Amino acid sequence: SYVTAWYFYLLLSAVIFILYISADREYERRVLQ
């Protein structure tokens, strides 16, 4: 079945969001410095 894959990808979608936000915050911090 593909069901396990769909649940795993649901978790990864949250990780993706965190990575994008973290990259943007790191960039803004460098610019501010």
All heavy atoms as atom14 arrays in JSON, in Angstrom:
{
  "sequence": "SYVTAWYFYLLLSAVIFILYISADREYERRVLQ",
  "atom14_mask": [
    [1, 1, 1, 1, 1, 1, 0, 0, 0, 0, 0, 0, 0, 0],
    [1, 1, 1, 1, 1, 1, 1, 1, 1, 1, 1, 1, 0, 0],
    [1, 1, 1, 1, 1, 1, 1, 0, 0, 0, 0, 0, 0, 0],
    [1, 1, 1, 1, 1, 1, 1, 0, 0, 0, 0, 0, 0, 0],
    [1, 1, 1, 1, 1, 0, 0, 0, 0, 0, 0, 0, 0, 0],
    [1, 1, 1, 1, 1, 1, 1, 1, 1, 1, 1, 1, 1, 1],
    [1, 1, 1, 1, 1, 1, 1, 1, 1, 1, 1, 1, 0, 0],
    [1, 1, 1, 1, 1, 1, 1, 1, 1, 1, 1, 0, 0, 0],
    [1, 1, 1, 1, 1, 1, 1, 1, 1, 1, 1, 1, 0, 0],
    [1, 1, 1, 1, 1, 1, 1, 1, 0, 0, 0, 0, 0, 0],
    [1, 1, 1, 1, 1, 1, 1, 1, 0, 0, 0, 0, 0, 0],
    [1, 1, 1, 1, 1, 1, 1, 1, 0, 0, 0, 0, 0, 0],
    [1, 1, 1, 1, 1, 1, 0, 0, 0, 0, 0, 0, 0, 0],
    [1, 1, 1, 1, 1, 0, 0, 0, 0, 0, 0, 0, 0, 0],
    [1, 1, 1, 1, 1, 1, 1, 0, 0, 0, 0, 0, 0, 0],
    [1, 1, 1, 1, 1, 1, 1, 1, 0, 0, 0, 0, 0, 0],
    [1, 1, 1, 1, 1, 1, 1, 1, 1, 1, 1, 0, 0, 0],
    [1, 1, 1, 1, 1, 1, 1, 1, 0, 0, 0, 0, 0, 0],
    [1, 1, 1, 1, 1, 1, 1, 1, 0, 0, 0, 0, 0, 0],
    [1, 1, 1, 1, 1, 1, 1, 1, 1, 1, 1, 1, 0, 0],
    [1, 1, 1, 1, 1, 1, 1, 1, 0, 0, 0, 0, 0, 0],
    [1, 1, 1, 1, 1, 1, 0, 0, 0, 0, 0, 0, 0, 0],
    [1, 1, 1, 1, 1, 0, 0, 0, 0, 0, 0, 0, 0, 0],
    [1, 1, 1, 1, 1, 1, 1, 1, 0, 0, 0, 0, 0, 0],
    [1, 1, 1, 1, 1, 1, 1, 1, 1, 1, 1, 0, 0, 0],
    [1, 1, 1, 1, 1, 1, 1, 1, 1, 0, 0, 0, 0, 0],
    [1, 1, 1, 1, 1, 1, 1, 1, 1, 1, 1, 1, 0, 0],
    [1, 1, 1, 1, 1, 1, 1, 1, 1, 0, 0, 0, 0, 0],
    [1, 1, 1, 1, 1, 1, 1, 1, 1, 1, 1, 0, 0, 0],
    [1, 1, 1, 1, 1, 1, 1, 1, 1, 1, 1, 0, 0, 0],
    [1, 1, 1, 1, 1, 1, 1, 0, 0, 0, 0, 0, 0, 0],
    [1, 1, 1, 1, 1, 1, 1, 1, 0, 0, 0, 0, 0, 0],
    [1, 1, 1, 1, 1, 1, 1, 1, 1, 0, 0, 0, 0, 0]
  ],
  "atom14_positions": [
    [[0.85, -1.2, 0.0], [0.0, 0.0, 0.0], [0.88, 1.25, 0.0], [2.04, 1.21, 0.42], [-0.91, 0.0, 1.23], [-1.58, 1.23, 1.38], [0.0, 0.0, 0.0], [0.0, 0.0, 0.0], [0.0, 0.0, 0.0], [0.0, 0.0, 0.0], [0.0, 0.0, 0.0], [0.0, 0.0, 0.0], [0.0, 0.0, 0.0], [0.0, 0.0, 0.0]],
    [[0.29, 2.36, -0.46], [0.99, 3.64, -0.46], [0.7, 4.47, 0.79], [1.28, 5.55, 0.96], [0.58, 4.47, -1.69], [1.12, 3.96, -3.0], [0.28, 3.33, -3.92], [2.45, 4.14, -3.35], [0.75, 2.89, -5.14], [2.94, 3.69, -4.57], [2.09, 3.06, -5.46], [2.56, 2.62, -6.67], [0.0, 0.0, 0.0], [0.0, 0.0, 0.0]],
    [[-0.19, 4.0, 1.66], [-0.67, 4.82, 2.78], [0.46, 5.27, 3.69], [0.51, 6.43, 4.12], [-1.74, 4.05, 3.59], [-2.1, 4.81, 4.87], [-2.99, 3.84, 2.74], [0.0, 0.0, 0.0], [0.0, 0.0, 0.0], [0.0, 0.0, 0.0], [0.0, 0.0, 0.0], [0.0, 0.0, 0.0], [0.0, 0.0, 0.0], [0.0, 0.0, 0.0]],
    [[1.4, 4.36, 4.01], [2.53, 4.73, 4.87], [3.34, 5.87, 4.25], [3.8, 6.77, 4.95], [3.44, 3.51, 5.1], [2.68, 2.45, 5.69], [4.58, 3.88, 6.04], [0.0, 0.0, 0.0], [0.0, 0.0, 0.0], [0.0, 0.0, 0.0], [0.0, 0.0, 0.0], [0.0, 0.0, 0.0], [0.0, 0.0, 0.0], [0.0, 0.0, 0.0]],
    [[3.5, 5.83, 2.95], [4.23, 6.9, 2.25], [3.53, 8.24, 2.41], [4.17, 9.26, 2.64], [4.38, 6.55, 0.77], [0.0, 0.0, 0.0], [0.0, 0.0, 0.0], [0.0, 0.0, 0.0], [0.0, 0.0, 0.0], [0.0, 0.0, 0.0], [0.0, 0.0, 0.0], [0.0, 0.0, 0.0], [0.0, 0.0, 0.0], [0.0, 0.0, 0.0]],
    [[2.2, 8.25, 2.31], [1.45, 9.52, 2.42], [1.61, 10.11, 3.82], [1.76, 11.33, 3.96], [-0.02, 9.31, 2.09], [-0.35, 8.67, 0.78], [-1.48, 7.98, 0.48], [0.41, 8.66, -0.45], [-1.48, 7.52, -0.82], [-0.32, 7.94, -1.41], [1.65, 9.19, -0.81], [0.13, 7.73, -2.71], [2.1, 8.96, -2.12], [1.35, 8.26, -3.04]],
    [[1.57, 9.28, 4.86], [1.76, 9.78, 6.22], [3.19, 10.33, 6.41], [3.39, 11.36, 7.06], [1.5, 8.68, 7.25], [0.02, 8.48, 7.56], [-0.63, 7.31, 7.19], [-0.7, 9.46, 8.23], [-1.97, 7.12, 7.47], [-2.05, 9.29, 8.51], [-2.68, 8.12, 8.13], [-4.01, 7.94, 8.42], [0.0, 0.0, 0.0], [0.0, 0.0, 0.0]],
    [[4.15, 9.65, 5.85], [5.53, 10.1, 5.95], [5.73, 11.44, 5.25], [6.39, 12.34, 5.76], [6.45, 9.04, 5.35], [7.92, 9.39, 5.41], [8.55, 9.66, 6.61], [8.66, 9.46, 4.25], [9.9, 9.99, 6.66], [10.01, 9.78, 4.28], [10.63, 10.04, 5.49], [0.0, 0.0, 0.0], [0.0, 0.0, 0.0], [0.0, 0.0, 0.0]],
    [[5.13, 11.6, 4.09], [5.24, 12.86, 3.36], [4.53, 14.0, 4.09], [4.92, 15.17, 3.98], [4.67, 12.71, 1.95], [5.45, 11.76, 1.07], [4.83, 11.08, 0.02], [6.8, 11.54, 1.27], [5.53, 10.21, -0.79], [7.52, 10.65, 0.47], [6.87, 9.99, -0.55], [7.58, 9.12, -1.35], [0.0, 0.0, 0.0], [0.0, 0.0, 0.0]],
    [[3.48, 13.67, 4.82], [2.79, 14.68, 5.62], [3.73, 15.25, 6.68], [3.75, 16.47, 6.92], [1.55, 14.06, 6.27], [0.55, 15.02, 6.93], [-0.03, 15.99, 5.92], [-0.57, 14.23, 7.61], [0.0, 0.0, 0.0], [0.0, 0.0, 0.0], [0.0, 0.0, 0.0], [0.0, 0.0, 0.0], [0.0, 0.0, 0.0], [0.0, 0.0, 0.0]],
    [[4.52, 14.39, 7.29], [5.52, 14.83, 8.26], [6.6, 15.68, 7.6], [7.01, 16.72, 8.13], [6.15, 13.61, 8.94], [7.32, 13.87, 9.9], [6.84, 14.69, 11.11], [7.93, 12.55, 10.39], [0.0, 0.0, 0.0], [0.0, 0.0, 0.0], [0.0, 0.0, 0.0], [0.0, 0.0, 0.0], [0.0, 0.0, 0.0], [0.0, 0.0, 0.0]],
    [[7.03, 15.27, 6.42], [8.08, 16.01, 5.71], [7.63, 17.4, 5.3], [8.45, 18.32, 5.23], [8.53, 15.23, 4.48], [9.36, 13.96, 4.7], [9.81, 13.37, 3.37], [10.58, 14.24, 5.6], [0.0, 0.0, 0.0], [0.0, 0.0, 0.0], [0.0, 0.0, 0.0], [0.0, 0.0, 0.0], [0.0, 0.0, 0.0], [0.0, 0.0, 0.0]],
    [[6.34, 17.59, 5.02], [5.85, 18.91, 4.64], [6.08, 19.93, 5.75], [6.38, 21.1, 5.49], [4.36, 18.85, 4.26], [3.57, 18.49, 5.37], [0.0, 0.0, 0.0], [0.0, 0.0, 0.0], [0.0, 0.0, 0.0], [0.0, 0.0, 0.0], [0.0, 0.0, 0.0], [0.0, 0.0, 0.0], [0.0, 0.0, 0.0], [0.0, 0.0, 0.0]],
    [[5.96, 19.5, 7.02], [6.24, 20.38, 8.15], [7.73, 20.7, 8.23], [8.13, 21.84, 8.53], [5.76, 19.74, 9.45], [0.0, 0.0, 0.0], [0.0, 0.0, 0.0], [0.0, 0.0, 0.0], [0.0, 0.0, 0.0], [0.0, 0.0, 0.0], [0.0, 0.0, 0.0], [0.0, 0.0, 0.0], [0.0, 0.0, 0.0], [0.0, 0.0, 0.0]],
    [[8.57, 19.7, 7.96], [10.01, 19.9, 7.98], [10.44, 20.9, 6.89], [11.29, 21.76, 7.12], [10.75, 18.56, 7.79], [12.27, 18.79, 7.71], [10.42, 17.6, 8.92], [0.0, 0.0, 0.0], [0.0, 0.0, 0.0], [0.0, 0.0, 0.0], [0.0, 0.0, 0.0], [0.0, 0.0, 0.0], [0.0, 0.0, 0.0], [0.0, 0.0, 0.0]],
    [[9.83, 20.8, 5.72], [10.13, 21.72, 4.62], [9.84, 23.16, 5.02], [10.63, 24.07, 4.77], [9.33, 21.33, 3.36], [9.78, 19.97, 2.84], [9.48, 22.39, 2.27], [8.83, 19.37, 1.83], [0.0, 0.0, 0.0], [0.0, 0.0, 0.0], [0.0, 0.0, 0.0], [0.0, 0.0, 0.0], [0.0, 0.0, 0.0], [0.0, 0.0, 0.0]],
    [[8.7, 23.37, 5.65], [8.32, 24.72, 6.1], [9.36, 25.28, 7.06], [9.78, 26.43, 6.94], [6.94, 24.66, 6.77], [6.51, 25.97, 7.37], [6.04, 26.99, 6.57], [6.59, 26.17, 8.75], [5.65, 28.2, 7.13], [6.19, 27.38, 9.3], [5.72, 28.39, 8.49], [0.0, 0.0, 0.0], [0.0, 0.0, 0.0], [0.0, 0.0, 0.0]],
    [[9.79, 24.47, 8.02], [10.79, 24.9, 9.0], [12.1, 25.28, 8.32], [12.74, 26.28, 8.66], [11.01, 23.81, 10.06], [9.74, 23.61, 10.9], [12.19, 24.16, 10.97], [9.8, 22.4, 11.82], [0.0, 0.0, 0.0], [0.0, 0.0, 0.0], [0.0, 0.0, 0.0], [0.0, 0.0, 0.0], [0.0, 0.0, 0.0], [0.0, 0.0, 0.0]],
    [[12.52, 24.5, 7.33], [13.77, 24.77, 6.63], [13.71, 26.09, 5.85], [14.65, 26.88, 5.89], [14.09, 23.63, 5.67], [14.51, 22.3, 6.32], [14.57, 21.19, 5.28], [15.86, 22.45, 7.01], [0.0, 0.0, 0.0], [0.0, 0.0, 0.0], [0.0, 0.0, 0.0], [0.0, 0.0, 0.0], [0.0, 0.0, 0.0], [0.0, 0.0, 0.0]],
    [[12.6, 26.35, 5.15], [12.45, 27.61, 4.41], [12.5, 28.81, 5.35], [13.19, 29.8, 5.08], [11.14, 27.62, 3.64], [11.17, 26.86, 2.33], [10.1, 26.09, 1.92], [12.27, 26.94, 1.49], [10.12, 25.4, 0.73], [12.31, 26.25, 0.29], [11.23, 25.47, -0.08], [11.24, 24.79, -1.27], [0.0, 0.0, 0.0], [0.0, 0.0, 0.0]],
    [[11.77, 28.74, 6.44], [11.73, 29.84, 7.4], [13.09, 30.06, 8.04], [13.54, 31.2, 8.24], [10.65, 29.6, 8.47], [9.26, 29.55, 7.83], [10.69, 30.68, 9.53], [8.86, 30.79, 7.11], [0.0, 0.0, 0.0], [0.0, 0.0, 0.0], [0.0, 0.0, 0.0], [0.0, 0.0, 0.0], [0.0, 0.0, 0.0], [0.0, 0.0, 0.0]],
    [[13.78, 28.98, 8.37], [15.1, 29.08, 8.99], [16.1, 29.73, 8.05], [16.92, 30.56, 8.47], [15.59, 27.68, 9.4], [14.74, 27.09, 10.36], [0.0, 0.0, 0.0], [0.0, 0.0, 0.0], [0.0, 0.0, 0.0], [0.0, 0.0, 0.0], [0.0, 0.0, 0.0], [0.0, 0.0, 0.0], [0.0, 0.0, 0.0], [0.0, 0.0, 0.0]],
    [[16.04, 29.37, 6.76], [16.94, 29.97, 5.78], [16.7, 31.47, 5.65], [17.64, 32.26, 5.58], [16.77, 29.28, 4.42], [0.0, 0.0, 0.0], [0.0, 0.0, 0.0], [0.0, 0.0, 0.0], [0.0, 0.0, 0.0], [0.0, 0.0, 0.0], [0.0, 0.0, 0.0], [0.0, 0.0, 0.0], [0.0, 0.0, 0.0], [0.0, 0.0, 0.0]],
    [[15.43, 31.87, 5.62], [15.1, 33.29, 5.49], [15.52, 34.08, 6.73], [16.03, 35.2, 6.62], [13.6, 33.44, 5.26], [13.23, 34.86, 4.82], [13.81, 35.33, 3.82], [12.36, 35.47, 5.46], [0.0, 0.0, 0.0], [0.0, 0.0, 0.0], [0.0, 0.0, 0.0], [0.0, 0.0, 0.0], [0.0, 0.0, 0.0], [0.0, 0.0, 0.0]],
    [[15.33, 33.51, 7.9], [15.74, 34.19, 9.13], [17.25, 34.34, 9.2], [17.76, 35.38, 9.64], [15.24, 33.41, 10.35], [13.73, 33.56, 10.59], [13.29, 32.8, 11.82], [11.88, 33.02, 12.11], [11.21, 32.4, 13.08], [11.85, 31.54, 13.88], [9.92, 32.65, 13.27], [0.0, 0.0, 0.0], [0.0, 0.0, 0.0], [0.0, 0.0, 0.0]],
    [[17.98, 33.31, 8.77], [19.44, 33.39, 8.77], [19.92, 34.47, 7.81], [20.85, 35.22, 8.11], [20.01, 32.03, 8.38], [21.49, 31.84, 8.71], [22.43, 32.29, 7.62], [21.95, 32.51, 6.5], [23.63, 32.43, 7.86], [0.0, 0.0, 0.0], [0.0, 0.0, 0.0], [0.0, 0.0, 0.0], [0.0, 0.0, 0.0], [0.0, 0.0, 0.0]],
    [[19.26, 34.58, 6.66], [19.6, 35.61, 5.69], [19.34, 37.0, 6.25], [20.19, 37.9, 6.14], [18.8, 35.4, 4.41], [18.93, 36.53, 3.41], [20.09, 36.7, 2.66], [17.88, 37.43, 3.21], [20.2, 37.73, 1.75], [17.99, 38.46, 2.3], [19.15, 38.6, 1.57], [19.26, 39.64, 0.67], [0.0, 0.0, 0.0], [0.0, 0.0, 0.0]],
    [[18.18, 37.21, 6.84], [17.84, 38.52, 7.41], [18.78, 38.9, 8.54], [19.14, 40.07, 8.7], [16.39, 38.51, 7.9], [15.37, 38.45, 6.76], [13.94, 38.45, 7.26], [13.74, 38.18, 8.48], [13.02, 38.69, 6.46], [0.0, 0.0, 0.0], [0.0, 0.0, 0.0], [0.0, 0.0, 0.0], [0.0, 0.0, 0.0], [0.0, 0.0, 0.0]],
    [[19.21, 37.92, 9.32], [20.15, 38.18, 10.41], [21.49, 38.65, 9.86], [22.1, 39.6, 10.38], [20.34, 36.91, 11.24], [21.29, 37.08, 12.43], [21.34, 35.82, 13.26], [21.83, 34.68, 12.5], [23.13, 34.45, 12.25], [24.06, 35.28, 12.73], [23.48, 33.4, 11.53], [0.0, 0.0, 0.0], [0.0, 0.0, 0.0], [0.0, 0.0, 0.0]],
    [[21.96, 38.02, 8.77], [23.22, 38.42, 8.16], [23.13, 39.83, 7.57], [24.07, 40.64, 7.69], [23.6, 37.43, 7.07], [24.01, 36.05, 7.58], [25.33, 36.12, 8.32], [25.77, 34.81, 8.76], [26.58, 34.02, 8.06], [27.04, 34.44, 6.89], [26.93, 32.82, 8.52], [0.0, 0.0, 0.0], [0.0, 0.0, 0.0], [0.0, 0.0, 0.0]],
    [[22.0, 40.13, 6.93], [21.8, 41.46, 6.35], [21.79, 42.52, 7.44], [22.39, 43.59, 7.31], [20.47, 41.5, 5.55], [20.16, 42.94, 5.13], [20.58, 40.62, 4.32], [0.0, 0.0, 0.0], [0.0, 0.0, 0.0], [0.0, 0.0, 0.0], [0.0, 0.0, 0.0], [0.0, 0.0, 0.0], [0.0, 0.0, 0.0], [0.0, 0.0, 0.0]],
    [[21.12, 42.23, 8.57], [21.06, 43.17, 9.68], [22.43, 43.41, 10.28], [22.79, 44.54, 10.62], [20.1, 42.64, 10.76], [19.85, 43.55, 11.97], [19.23, 44.87, 11.53], [18.96, 42.84, 12.99], [0.0, 0.0, 0.0], [0.0, 0.0, 0.0], [0.0, 0.0, 0.0], [0.0, 0.0, 0.0], [0.0, 0.0, 0.0], [0.0, 0.0, 0.0]],
    [[23.22, 42.36, 10.38], [24.58, 42.5, 10.9], [25.43, 43.41, 10.01], [26.19, 44.24, 10.49], [25.23, 41.13, 11.04], [24.7, 40.28, 12.19], [25.34, 38.91, 12.23], [26.01, 38.48, 11.29], [25.15, 38.21, 13.35], [0.0, 0.0, 0.0], [0.0, 0.0, 0.0], [0.0, 0.0, 0.0], [0.0, 0.0, 0.0], [0.0, 0.0, 0.0]]
  ]
}
